[in-house]
Amino acid sequence: RLDNINLIFIHIFEHEFFLRIAQSFPLVKALTLVNMKPQNGKQTDDNQNLPIIEYAHLTTLDLTKSHLDYIEQFLLDTKTTLPSNVHLSVVYQALRKVTQNLKVMLHESIVQN
């Protein structure tokens, strides 16, 4: 049984990679991601049809050395669901920027509808 996963790579991680991790290790409790490279296909329309990734047993998520795209990947509820009691480690400025981007996206969505 694997409880802790550390992902430290120079390659880009896309949505499908995180889906495979969640499916292969459904009981993972701690996840650390170290990757400063942005995702490639983040802005494509195809992302809206991707399944939502669930990490039901995750208690610790460390994104302190991760690109903004990965912070958004884990915090945007249309991409990933996390337990409400997960301990999140993230650089404050990065979190602030991601949440500001989400506010802008939400506002644009409301204006368009």
PDB file of N, CA and C in Angstrom:
ATOM      1  N   ARG A   1       0.851  -1.175   0.000  1.00  0.00           N
ATOM      2  CA  ARG A   1       0.000   0.000   0.000  1.00  0.00           C
ATOM      3  C   ARG A   1       0.893   1.233   0.000  1.00  0.00           C
ATOM      4  N   LEU A   2       0.623   2.144  -0.885  1.00  0.00           N
ATOM      5  CA  LEU A   2       1.408   3.363  -1.027  1.00  0.00           C
ATOM      6  C   LEU A   2       0.633   4.534  -0.445  1.00  0.00           C
ATOM      7  N   ASP A   3       1.227   5.200   0.545  1.00  0.00           N
ATOM      8  CA  ASP A   3       0.566   6.331   1.200  1.00  0.00           C
ATOM      9  C   ASP A   3       1.097   7.682   0.743  1.00  0.00           C
ATOM     10  N   ASN A   4       2.347   7.725   0.284  1.00  0.00           N
ATOM     11  CA  ASN A   4       3.015   8.990   0.018  1.00  0.00           C
ATOM     12  C   ASN A   4       3.624   8.961  -1.379  1.00  0.00           C
ATOM     13  N   ILE A   5       3.344   9.971  -2.189  1.00  0.00           N
ATOM     14  CA  ILE A   5       3.900  10.071  -3.533  1.00  0.00           C
ATOM     15  C   ILE A   5       4.595  11.415  -3.666  1.00  0.00           C
ATOM     16  N   ASN A   6       5.843  11.373  -4.132  1.00  0.00           N
ATOM     17  CA  ASN A   6       6.594  12.581  -4.447  1.00  0.00           C
ATOM     18  C   ASN A   6       6.819  12.603  -5.950  1.00  0.00           C
ATOM     19  N   LEU A   7       6.297  13.601  -6.631  1.00  0.00           N
ATOM     20  CA  LEU A   7       6.457  13.740  -8.072  1.00  0.00           C
ATOM     21  C   LEU A   7       7.421  14.883  -8.341  1.00  0.00           C
ATOM     22  N   ILE A   8       8.628  14.525  -8.732  1.00  0.00           N
ATOM     23  CA  ILE A   8       9.657  15.528  -9.002  1.00  0.00           C
ATOM     24  C   ILE A   8      10.164  15.258 -10.412  1.00  0.00           C
ATOM     25  N   PHE A   9       9.748  16.081 -11.365  1.00  0.00           N
ATOM     26  CA  PHE A   9      10.087  15.847 -12.754  1.00  0.00           C
ATOM     27  C   PHE A   9      10.355  17.164 -13.466  1.00  0.00           C
ATOM     28  N   ILE A  10      11.048  17.039 -14.590  1.00  0.00           N
ATOM     29  CA  ILE A  10      11.229  18.196 -15.459  1.00  0.00           C
ATOM     30  C   ILE A  10      10.260  18.132 -16.633  1.00  0.00           C
ATOM     31  N   HIS A  11       9.534  17.018 -16.764  1.00  0.00           N
ATOM     32  CA  HIS A  11       8.537  16.886 -17.821  1.00  0.00           C
ATOM     33  C   HIS A  11       7.232  17.535 -17.377  1.00  0.00           C
ATOM     34  N   ILE A  12       6.412  17.837 -18.342  1.00  0.00           N
ATOM     35  CA  ILE A  12       5.130  18.482 -18.072  1.00  0.00           C
ATOM     36  C   ILE A  12       4.096  17.421 -17.701  1.00  0.00           C
ATOM     37  N   PHE A  13       3.312  17.697 -16.676  1.00  0.00           N
ATOM     38  CA  PHE A  13       2.226  16.816 -16.263  1.00  0.00           C
ATOM     39  C   PHE A  13       0.916  17.364 -16.808  1.00  0.00           C
ATOM     40  N   GLU A  14       0.156  16.522 -17.463  1.00  0.00           N
ATOM     41  CA  GLU A  14      -1.160  16.914 -17.959  1.00  0.00           C
ATOM     42  C   GLU A  14      -2.240  16.242 -17.113  1.00  0.00           C
ATOM     43  N   HIS A  15      -3.480  16.587 -17.376  1.00  0.00           N
ATOM     44  CA  HIS A  15      -4.624  16.098 -16.602  1.00  0.00           C
ATOM     45  C   HIS A  15      -4.650  14.569 -16.530  1.00  0.00           C
ATOM     46  N   GLU A  16      -4.420  13.900 -17.662  1.00  0.00           N
ATOM     47  CA  GLU A  16      -4.477  12.435 -17.702  1.00  0.00           C
ATOM     48  C   GLU A  16      -3.461  11.799 -16.762  1.00  0.00           C
ATOM     49  N   PHE A  17      -2.307  12.425 -16.604  1.00  0.00           N
ATOM     50  CA  PHE A  17      -1.284  11.890 -15.704  1.00  0.00           C
ATOM     51  C   PHE A  17      -1.811  11.858 -14.267  1.00  0.00           C
ATOM     52  N   PHE A  18      -2.428  12.936 -13.832  1.00  0.00           N
ATOM     53  CA  PHE A  18      -2.967  12.997 -12.468  1.00  0.00           C
ATOM     54  C   PHE A  18      -4.139  12.030 -12.295  1.00  0.00           C
ATOM     55  N   LEU A  19      -4.905  11.828 -13.361  1.00  0.00           N
ATOM     56  CA  LEU A  19      -5.993  10.852 -13.319  1.00  0.00           C
ATOM     57  C   LEU A  19      -5.430   9.447 -13.108  1.00  0.00           C
ATOM     58  N   ARG A  20      -4.358   9.115 -13.821  1.00  0.00           N
ATOM     59  CA  ARG A  20      -3.728   7.794 -13.651  1.00  0.00           C
ATOM     60  C   ARG A  20      -3.171   7.610 -12.249  1.00  0.00           C
ATOM     61  N   ILE A  21      -2.585   8.657 -11.695  1.00  0.00           N
ATOM     62  CA  ILE A  21      -2.061   8.578 -10.320  1.00  0.00           C
ATOM     63  C   ILE A  21      -3.209   8.274  -9.354  1.00  0.00           C
ATOM     64  N   ALA A  22      -4.303   9.003  -9.483  1.00  0.00           N
ATOM     65  CA  ALA A  22      -5.447   8.811  -8.585  1.00  0.00           C
ATOM     66  C   ALA A  22      -6.046   7.414  -8.733  1.00  0.00           C
ATOM     67  N   GLN A  23      -6.106   6.910  -9.961  1.00  0.00           N
ATOM     68  CA  GLN A  23      -6.667   5.578 -10.190  1.00  0.00           C
ATOM     69  C   GLN A  23      -5.715   4.474  -9.737  1.00  0.00           C
ATOM     70  N   SER A  24      -4.426   4.672  -9.933  1.00  0.00           N
ATOM     71  CA  SER A  24      -3.436   3.653  -9.571  1.00  0.00           C
ATOM     72  C   SER A  24      -3.175   3.592  -8.074  1.00  0.00           C
ATOM     73  N   PHE A  25      -3.314   4.729  -7.411  1.00  0.00           N
ATOM     74  CA  PHE A  25      -3.037   4.813  -5.974  1.00  0.00           C
ATOM     75  C   PHE A  25      -4.218   5.478  -5.264  1.00  0.00           C
ATOM     76  N   PRO A  26      -5.357   4.820  -5.207  1.00  0.00           N
ATOM     77  CA  PRO A  26      -6.567   5.460  -4.663  1.00  0.00           C
ATOM     78  C   PRO A  26      -6.486   5.792  -3.176  1.00  0.00           C
ATOM     79  N   LEU A  27      -5.574   5.178  -2.445  1.00  0.00           N
ATOM     80  CA  LEU A  27      -5.477   5.425  -1.005  1.00  0.00           C
ATOM     81  C   LEU A  27      -4.349   6.389  -0.640  1.00  0.00           C
ATOM     82  N   VAL A  28      -3.774   7.052  -1.644  1.00  0.00           N
ATOM     83  CA  VAL A  28      -2.662   7.961  -1.362  1.00  0.00           C
ATOM     84  C   VAL A  28      -3.111   9.035  -0.369  1.00  0.00           C
ATOM     85  N   LYS A  29      -2.251   9.295   0.615  1.00  0.00           N
ATOM     86  CA  LYS A  29      -2.571  10.278   1.655  1.00  0.00           C
ATOM     87  C   LYS A  29      -1.762  11.560   1.519  1.00  0.00           C
ATOM     88  N   ALA A  30      -0.554  11.458   0.965  1.00  0.00           N
ATOM     89  CA  ALA A  30       0.304  12.636   0.837  1.00  0.00           C
ATOM     90  C   ALA A  30       0.848  12.711  -0.584  1.00  0.00           C
ATOM     91  N   LEU A  31       0.780  13.905  -1.156  1.00  0.00           N
ATOM     92  CA  LEU A  31       1.262  14.119  -2.514  1.00  0.00           C
ATOM     93  C   LEU A  31       2.089  15.394  -2.536  1.00  0.00           C
ATOM     94  N   THR A  32       3.316  15.269  -3.025  1.00  0.00           N
ATOM     95  CA  THR A  32       4.204  16.417  -3.204  1.00  0.00           C
ATOM     96  C   THR A  32       4.514  16.531  -4.682  1.00  0.00           C
ATOM     97  N   LEU A  33       4.312  17.708  -5.237  1.00  0.00           N
ATOM     98  CA  LEU A  33       4.579  17.940  -6.651  1.00  0.00           C
ATOM     99  C   LEU A  33       5.630  19.031  -6.786  1.00  0.00           C
ATOM    100  N   VAL A  34       6.727  18.698  -7.467  1.00  0.00           N
ATOM    101  CA  VAL A  34       7.784  19.662  -7.752  1.00  0.00           C
ATOM    102  C   VAL A  34       7.918  19.728  -9.266  1.00  0.00           C
ATOM    103  N   ASN A  35       7.412  20.789  -9.858  1.00  0.00           N
ATOM    104  CA  ASN A  35       7.483  20.964 -11.305  1.00  0.00           C
ATOM    105  C   ASN A  35       7.140  22.413 -11.631  1.00  0.00           C
ATOM    106  N   MET A  36       8.102  23.133 -12.171  1.00  0.00           N
ATOM    107  CA  MET A  36       7.897  24.542 -12.487  1.00  0.00           C
ATOM    108  C   MET A  36       7.559  24.778 -13.961  1.00  0.00           C
ATOM    109  N   LYS A  37       7.357  23.696 -14.726  1.00  0.00           N
ATOM    110  CA  LYS A  37       7.002  23.846 -16.140  1.00  0.00           C
ATOM    111  C   LYS A  37       5.484  23.924 -16.290  1.00  0.00           C
ATOM    112  N   PRO A  38       4.980  24.839 -17.108  1.00  0.00           N
ATOM    113  CA  PRO A  38       3.528  24.964 -17.283  1.00  0.00           C
ATOM    114  C   PRO A  38       2.956  23.789 -18.068  1.00  0.00           C
ATOM    115  N   GLN A  39       1.669  23.551 -17.885  1.00  0.00           N
ATOM    116  CA  GLN A  39       0.974  22.515 -18.646  1.00  0.00           C
ATOM    117  C   GLN A  39       0.790  22.979 -20.085  1.00  0.00           C
ATOM    118  N   ASN A  40       0.793  22.031 -21.017  1.00  0.00           N
ATOM    119  CA  ASN A  40       0.625  22.362 -22.442  1.00  0.00           C
ATOM    120  C   ASN A  40      -0.822  22.606 -22.831  1.00  0.00           C
ATOM    121  N   GLY A  41      -1.690  21.646 -22.552  1.00  0.00           N
ATOM    122  CA  GLY A  41      -3.053  21.691 -23.061  1.00  0.00           C
ATOM    123  C   GLY A  41      -4.049  22.309 -22.116  1.00  0.00           C
ATOM    124  N   LYS A  42      -3.595  23.143 -21.209  1.00  0.00           N
ATOM    125  CA  LYS A  42      -4.461  23.696 -20.163  1.00  0.00           C
ATOM    126  C   LYS A  42      -5.648  24.476 -20.714  1.00  0.00           C
ATOM    127  N   GLN A  43      -5.467  25.232 -21.751  1.00  0.00           N
ATOM    128  CA  GLN A  43      -6.515  26.140 -22.224  1.00  0.00           C
ATOM    129  C   GLN A  43      -7.412  25.560 -23.312  1.00  0.00           C
ATOM    130  N   THR A  44      -7.224  24.297 -23.695  1.00  0.00           N
ATOM    131  CA  THR A  44      -8.025  23.756 -24.789  1.00  0.00           C
ATOM    132  C   THR A  44      -9.454  23.476 -24.345  1.00  0.00           C
ATOM    133  N   ASP A  45     -10.357  23.530 -25.301  1.00  0.00           N
ATOM    134  CA  ASP A  45     -11.767  23.249 -25.019  1.00  0.00           C
ATOM    135  C   ASP A  45     -11.982  21.796 -24.616  1.00  0.00           C
ATOM    136  N   ASP A  46     -11.064  20.901 -25.036  1.00  0.00           N
ATOM    137  CA  ASP A  46     -11.196  19.486 -24.701  1.00  0.00           C
ATOM    138  C   ASP A  46     -11.151  19.257 -23.201  1.00  0.00           C
ATOM    139  N   ASN A  47     -10.516  20.150 -22.461  1.00  0.00           N
ATOM    140  CA  ASN A  47     -10.403  19.981 -21.010  1.00  0.00           C
ATOM    141  C   ASN A  47     -11.758  19.972 -20.324  1.00  0.00           C
ATOM    142  N   GLN A  48     -12.760  20.568 -20.934  1.00  0.00           N
ATOM    143  CA  GLN A  48     -14.080  20.608 -20.314  1.00  0.00           C
ATOM    144  C   GLN A  48     -14.741  19.232 -20.310  1.00  0.00           C
ATOM    145  N   ASN A  49     -14.268  18.324 -21.164  1.00  0.00           N
ATOM    146  CA  ASN A  49     -14.833  16.982 -21.235  1.00  0.00           C
ATOM    147  C   ASN A  49     -14.021  15.962 -20.442  1.00  0.00           C
ATOM    148  N   LEU A  50     -12.982  16.385 -19.781  1.00  0.00           N
ATOM    149  CA  LEU A  50     -12.146  15.468 -19.014  1.00  0.00           C
ATOM    150  C   LEU A  50     -12.827  15.100 -17.703  1.00  0.00           C
ATOM    151  N   PRO A  51     -12.609  13.865 -17.243  1.00  0.00           N
ATOM    152  CA  PRO A  51     -13.206  13.469 -15.959  1.00  0.00           C
ATOM    153  C   PRO A  51     -12.583  14.234 -14.796  1.00  0.00           C
ATOM    154  N   ILE A  52     -13.388  14.456 -13.773  1.00  0.00           N
ATOM    155  CA  ILE A  52     -12.891  15.100 -12.555  1.00  0.00           C
ATOM    156  C   ILE A  52     -12.100  14.065 -11.764  1.00  0.00           C
ATOM    157  N   ILE A  53     -10.924  14.449 -11.324  1.00  0.00           N
ATOM    158  CA  ILE A  53     -10.039  13.552 -10.583  1.00  0.00           C
ATOM    159  C   ILE A  53     -10.376  13.641  -9.104  1.00  0.00           C
ATOM    160  N   GLU A  54     -10.451  12.482  -8.443  1.00  0.00           N
ATOM    161  CA  GLU A  54     -10.772  12.468  -7.016  1.00  0.00           C
ATOM    162  C   GLU A  54      -9.635  11.832  -6.222  1.00  0.00           C
ATOM    163  N   TYR A  55      -9.178  12.561  -5.226  1.00  0.00           N
ATOM    164  CA  TYR A  55      -8.195  12.057  -4.262  1.00  0.00           C
ATOM    165  C   TYR A  55      -8.912  11.982  -2.914  1.00  0.00           C
ATOM    166  N   ALA A  56      -9.686  10.943  -2.720  1.00  0.00           N
ATOM    167  CA  ALA A  56     -10.585  10.841  -1.567  1.00  0.00           C
ATOM    168  C   ALA A  56      -9.873  10.729  -0.227  1.00  0.00           C
ATOM    169  N   HIS A  57      -8.660  10.199  -0.204  1.00  0.00           N
ATOM    170  CA  HIS A  57      -7.967   9.961   1.063  1.00  0.00           C
ATOM    171  C   HIS A  57      -6.791  10.910   1.288  1.00  0.00           C
ATOM    172  N   LEU A  58      -6.619  11.878   0.412  1.00  0.00           N
ATOM    173  CA  LEU A  58      -5.484  12.791   0.520  1.00  0.00           C
ATOM    174  C   LEU A  58      -5.612  13.666   1.765  1.00  0.00           C
ATOM    175  N   THR A  59      -4.559  13.706   2.564  1.00  0.00           N
ATOM    176  CA  THR A  59      -4.549  14.556   3.759  1.00  0.00           C
ATOM    177  C   THR A  59      -3.503  15.660   3.662  1.00  0.00           C
ATOM    178  N   THR A  60      -2.492  15.476   2.792  1.00  0.00           N
ATOM    179  CA  THR A  60      -1.416  16.453   2.653  1.00  0.00           C
ATOM    180  C   THR A  60      -1.101  16.661   1.179  1.00  0.00           C
ATOM    181  N   LEU A  61      -1.100  17.922   0.749  1.00  0.00           N
ATOM    182  CA  LEU A  61      -0.773  18.279  -0.629  1.00  0.00           C
ATOM    183  C   LEU A  61       0.244  19.409  -0.593  1.00  0.00           C
ATOM    184  N   ASP A  62       1.435  19.145  -1.132  1.00  0.00           N
ATOM    185  CA  ASP A  62       2.510  20.137  -1.138  1.00  0.00           C
ATOM    186  C   ASP A  62       2.747  20.609  -2.566  1.00  0.00           C
ATOM    187  N   LEU A  63       2.417  21.867  -2.820  1.00  0.00           N
ATOM    188  CA  LEU A  63       2.592  22.477  -4.137  1.00  0.00           C
ATOM    189  C   LEU A  63       3.519  23.687  -4.059  1.00  0.00           C
ATOM    190  N   THR A  64       4.380  23.729  -3.051  1.00  0.00           N
ATOM    191  CA  THR A  64       5.224  24.908  -2.841  1.00  0.00           C
ATOM    192  C   THR A  64       6.227  25.131  -3.966  1.00  0.00           C
ATOM    193  N   LYS A  65       6.576  24.079  -4.689  1.00  0.00           N
ATOM    194  CA  LYS A  65       7.535  24.218  -5.792  1.00  0.00           C
ATOM    195  C   LYS A  65       6.885  23.795  -7.099  1.00  0.00           C
ATOM    196  N   SER A  66       5.669  24.290  -7.311  1.00  0.00           N
ATOM    197  CA  SER A  66       4.895  23.909  -8.492  1.00  0.00           C
ATOM    198  C   SER A  66       4.464  25.140  -9.275  1.00  0.00           C
ATOM    199  N   HIS A  67       4.374  24.977 -10.582  1.00  0.00           N
ATOM    200  CA  HIS A  67       3.884  26.040 -11.456  1.00  0.00           C
ATOM    201  C   HIS A  67       2.423  26.349 -11.113  1.00  0.00           C
ATOM    202  N   LEU A  68       1.998  27.556 -11.414  1.00  0.00           N
ATOM    203  CA  LEU A  68       0.618  27.984 -11.153  1.00  0.00           C
ATOM    204  C   LEU A  68      -0.413  27.039 -11.779  1.00  0.00           C
ATOM    205  N   ASP A  69      -0.085  26.471 -12.931  1.00  0.00           N
ATOM    206  CA  ASP A  69      -1.020  25.556 -13.595  1.00  0.00           C
ATOM    207  C   ASP A  69      -1.376  24.367 -12.713  1.00  0.00           C
ATOM    208  N   TYR A  70      -0.399  23.859 -11.956  1.00  0.00           N
ATOM    209  CA  TYR A  70      -0.651  22.691 -11.107  1.00  0.00           C
ATOM    210  C   TYR A  70      -1.442  23.074  -9.858  1.00  0.00           C
ATOM    211  N   ILE A  71      -1.214  24.266  -9.370  1.00  0.00           N
ATOM    212  CA  ILE A  71      -2.011  24.751  -8.237  1.00  0.00           C
ATOM    213  C   ILE A  71      -3.470  24.850  -8.679  1.00  0.00           C
ATOM    214  N   GLU A  72      -3.676  25.409  -9.859  1.00  0.00           N
ATOM    215  CA  GLU A  72      -5.031  25.500 -10.410  1.00  0.00           C
ATOM    216  C   GLU A  72      -5.608  24.107 -10.661  1.00  0.00           C
ATOM    217  N   GLN A  73      -4.783  23.188 -11.157  1.00  0.00           N
ATOM    218  CA  GLN A  73      -5.226  21.809 -11.423  1.00  0.00           C
ATOM    219  C   GLN A  73      -5.839  21.178 -10.174  1.00  0.00           C
ATOM    220  N   PHE A  74      -5.214  21.405  -9.026  1.00  0.00           N
ATOM    221  CA  PHE A  74      -5.686  20.770  -7.801  1.00  0.00           C
ATOM    222  C   PHE A  74      -6.773  21.561  -7.081  1.00  0.00           C
ATOM    223  N   LEU A  75      -6.864  22.857  -7.316  1.00  0.00           N
ATOM    224  CA  LEU A  75      -7.836  23.664  -6.582  1.00  0.00           C
ATOM    225  C   LEU A  75      -9.117  23.954  -7.355  1.00  0.00           C
ATOM    226  N   LEU A  76      -9.088  23.775  -8.658  1.00  0.00           N
ATOM    227  CA  LEU A  76     -10.271  24.037  -9.468  1.00  0.00           C
ATOM    228  C   LEU A  76     -11.187  22.815  -9.419  1.00  0.00           C
ATOM    229  N   ASP A  77     -12.379  22.980  -8.883  1.00  0.00           N
ATOM    230  CA  ASP A  77     -13.258  21.825  -8.653  1.00  0.00           C
ATOM    231  C   ASP A  77     -13.812  21.200  -9.922  1.00  0.00           C
ATOM    232  N   THR A  78     -13.581  21.804 -11.074  1.00  0.00           N
ATOM    233  CA  THR A  78     -13.972  21.173 -12.333  1.00  0.00           C
ATOM    234  C   THR A  78     -12.888  20.238 -12.848  1.00  0.00           C
ATOM    235  N   LYS A  79     -11.743  20.211 -12.156  1.00  0.00           N
ATOM    236  CA  LYS A  79     -10.638  19.333 -12.546  1.00  0.00           C
ATOM    237  C   LYS A  79     -10.340  18.278 -11.488  1.00  0.00           C
ATOM    238  N   THR A  80     -10.386  18.667 -10.227  1.00  0.00           N
ATOM    239  CA  THR A  80      -9.982  17.783  -9.132  1.00  0.00           C
ATOM    240  C   THR A  80     -10.855  18.031  -7.911  1.00  0.00           C
ATOM    241  N   THR A  81     -11.190  16.962  -7.201  1.00  0.00           N
ATOM    242  CA  THR A  81     -11.856  17.116  -5.909  1.00  0.00           C
ATOM    243  C   THR A  81     -10.933  16.583  -4.823  1.00  0.00           C
ATOM    244  N   LEU A  82     -10.877  17.335  -3.743  1.00  0.00           N
ATOM    245  CA  LEU A  82     -10.043  16.989  -2.593  1.00  0.00           C
ATOM    246  C   LEU A  82     -10.911  16.957  -1.345  1.00  0.00           C
ATOM    247  N   PRO A  83     -10.505  16.194  -0.349  1.00  0.00           N
ATOM    248  CA  PRO A  83     -11.230  16.234   0.926  1.00  0.00           C
ATOM    249  C   PRO A  83     -11.155  17.636   1.530  1.00  0.00           C
ATOM    250  N   SER A  84     -12.137  17.992   2.319  1.00  0.00           N
ATOM    251  CA  SER A  84     -12.170  19.336   2.905  1.00  0.00           C
ATOM    252  C   SER A  84     -11.108  19.540   3.977  1.00  0.00           C
ATOM    253  N   ASN A  85     -10.533  18.469   4.494  1.00  0.00           N
ATOM    254  CA  ASN A  85      -9.548  18.600   5.571  1.00  0.00           C
ATOM    255  C   ASN A  85      -8.112  18.415   5.096  1.00  0.00           C
ATOM    256  N   VAL A  86      -7.849  18.582   3.804  1.00  0.00           N
ATOM    257  CA  VAL A  86      -6.490  18.407   3.290  1.00  0.00           C
ATOM    258  C   VAL A  86      -5.601  19.565   3.750  1.00  0.00           C
ATOM    259  N   HIS A  87      -4.370  19.237   4.151  1.00  0.00           N
ATOM    260  CA  HIS A  87      -3.387  20.253   4.534  1.00  0.00           C
ATOM    261  C   HIS A  87      -2.661  20.670   3.259  1.00  0.00           C
ATOM    262  N   LEU A  88      -2.829  21.919   2.859  1.00  0.00           N
ATOM    263  CA  LEU A  88      -2.260  22.443   1.623  1.00  0.00           C
ATOM    264  C   LEU A  88      -1.048  23.303   1.930  1.00  0.00           C
ATOM    265  N   SER A  89       0.072  22.984   1.276  1.00  0.00           N
ATOM    266  CA  SER A  89       1.268  23.822   1.357  1.00  0.00           C
ATOM    267  C   SER A  89       1.474  24.444  -0.016  1.00  0.00           C
ATOM    268  N   VAL A  90       1.451  25.778  -0.046  1.00  0.00           N
ATOM    269  CA  VAL A  90       1.580  26.499  -1.305  1.00  0.00           C
ATOM    270  C   VAL A  90       2.140  27.883  -0.996  1.00  0.00           C
ATOM    271  N   VAL A  91       2.883  28.445  -1.924  1.00  0.00           N
ATOM    272  CA  VAL A  91       3.406  29.800  -1.760  1.00  0.00           C
ATOM    273  C   VAL A  91       2.224  30.774  -1.840  1.00  0.00           C
ATOM    274  N   TYR A  92       2.132  31.667  -0.864  1.00  0.00           N
ATOM    275  CA  TYR A  92       0.979  32.567  -0.766  1.00  0.00           C
ATOM    276  C   TYR A  92       0.766  33.379  -2.044  1.00  0.00           C
ATOM    277  N   GLN A  93       1.832  33.938  -2.602  1.00  0.00           N
ATOM    278  CA  GLN A  93       1.693  34.769  -3.804  1.00  0.00           C
ATOM    279  C   GLN A  93       1.142  33.951  -4.972  1.00  0.00           C
ATOM    280  N   ALA A  94       1.562  32.699  -5.077  1.00  0.00           N
ATOM    281  CA  ALA A  94       1.061  31.833  -6.146  1.00  0.00           C
ATOM    282  C   ALA A  94      -0.420  31.537  -5.931  1.00  0.00           C
ATOM    283  N   LEU A  95      -0.788  31.237  -4.700  1.00  0.00           N
ATOM    284  CA  LEU A  95      -2.195  30.974  -4.381  1.00  0.00           C
ATOM    285  C   LEU A  95      -3.051  32.203  -4.670  1.00  0.00           C
ATOM    286  N   ARG A  96      -2.556  33.352  -4.304  1.00  0.00           N
ATOM    287  CA  ARG A  96      -3.289  34.598  -4.543  1.00  0.00           C
ATOM    288  C   ARG A  96      -3.495  34.830  -6.040  1.00  0.00           C
ATOM    289  N   LYS A  97      -2.444  34.576  -6.825  1.00  0.00           N
ATOM    290  CA  LYS A  97      -2.551  34.768  -8.272  1.00  0.00           C
ATOM    291  C   LYS A  97      -3.555  33.791  -8.884  1.00  0.00           C
ATOM    292  N   VAL A  98      -3.508  32.539  -8.464  1.00  0.00           N
ATOM    293  CA  VAL A  98      -4.438  31.535  -8.988  1.00  0.00           C
ATOM    294  C   VAL A  98      -5.872  31.887  -8.619  1.00  0.00           C
ATOM    295  N   THR A  99      -6.111  32.270  -7.373  1.00  0.00           N
ATOM    296  CA  THR A  99      -7.481  32.604  -6.971  1.00  0.00           C
ATOM    297  C   THR A  99      -7.965  33.876  -7.660  1.00  0.00           C
ATOM    298  N   GLN A 100      -7.079  34.811  -7.936  1.00  0.00           N
ATOM    299  CA  GLN A 100      -7.455  36.009  -8.690  1.00  0.00           C
ATOM    300  C   GLN A 100      -7.853  35.618 -10.108  1.00  0.00           C
ATOM    301  N   ASN A 101      -7.083  34.705 -10.720  1.00  0.00           N
ATOM    302  CA  ASN A 101      -7.422  34.225 -12.064  1.00  0.00           C
ATOM    303  C   ASN A 101      -8.780  33.535 -12.064  1.00  0.00           C
ATOM    304  N   LEU A 102      -9.075  32.783 -11.012  1.00  0.00           N
ATOM    305  CA  LEU A 102     -10.365  32.096 -10.921  1.00  0.00           C
ATOM    306  C   LEU A 102     -11.506  33.095 -10.791  1.00  0.00           C
ATOM    307  N   LYS A 103     -11.280  34.176 -10.046  1.00  0.00           N
ATOM    308  CA  LYS A 103     -12.304  35.220  -9.920  1.00  0.00           C
ATOM    309  C   LYS A 103     -12.592  35.853 -11.279  1.00  0.00           C
ATOM    310  N   VAL A 104     -11.539  36.118 -12.049  1.00  0.00           N
ATOM    311  CA  VAL A 104     -11.702  36.713 -13.375  1.00  0.00           C
ATOM    312  C   VAL A 104     -12.459  35.750 -14.284  1.00  0.00           C
ATOM    313  N   MET A 105     -12.097  34.458 -14.250  1.00  0.00           N
ATOM    314  CA  MET A 105     -12.783  33.458 -15.073  1.00  0.00           C
ATOM    315  C   MET A 105     -14.254  33.356 -14.691  1.00  0.00           C
ATOM    316  N   LEU A 106     -14.555  33.382 -13.404  1.00  0.00           N
ATOM    317  CA  LEU A 106     -15.936  33.311 -12.934  1.00  0.00           C
ATOM    318  C   LEU A 106     -16.715  34.537 -13.394  1.00  0.00           C
ATOM    319  N   HIS A 107     -16.115  35.713 -13.264  1.00  0.00           N
ATOM    320  CA  HIS A 107     -16.766  36.950 -13.690  1.00  0.00           C
ATOM    321  C   HIS A 107     -17.060  36.907 -15.192  1.00  0.00           C
ATOM    322  N   GLU A 108     -16.081  36.463 -15.997  1.00  0.00           N
ATOM    323  CA  GLU A 108     -16.283  36.384 -17.446  1.00  0.00           C
ATOM    324  C   GLU A 108     -17.396  35.406 -17.784  1.00  0.00           C
ATOM    325  N   SER A 109     -17.471  34.311 -17.055  1.00  0.00           N
ATOM    326  CA  SER A 109     -18.515  33.313 -17.279  1.00  0.00           C
ATOM    327  C   SER A 109     -19.896  33.888 -16.972  1.00  0.00           C
ATOM    328  N   ILE A 110     -20.001  34.651 -15.904  1.00  0.00           N
ATOM    329  CA  ILE A 110     -21.275  35.268 -15.518  1.00  0.00           C
ATOM    330  C   ILE A 110     -21.694  36.311 -16.546  1.00  0.00           C
ATOM    331  N   VAL A 111     -20.747  37.118 -17.007  1.00  0.00           N
ATOM    332  CA  VAL A 111     -21.041  38.166 -17.984  1.00  0.00           C
ATOM    333  C   VAL A 111     -21.506  37.552 -19.304  1.00  0.00           C
ATOM    334  N   GLN A 112     -20.899  36.442 -19.720  1.00  0.00           N
ATOM    335  CA  GLN A 112     -21.264  35.795 -20.985  1.00  0.00           C
ATOM    336  C   GLN A 112     -22.651  35.179 -20.919  1.00  0.00           C
ATOM    337  N   ASN A 113     -23.067  34.752 -19.745  1.00  0.00           N
ATOM    338  CA  ASN A 113     -24.388  34.118 -19.609  1.00  0.00           C
ATOM    339  C   ASN A 113     -25.379  35.188 -19.299  1.00  0.00           C
TER     340      ASN A 113
END
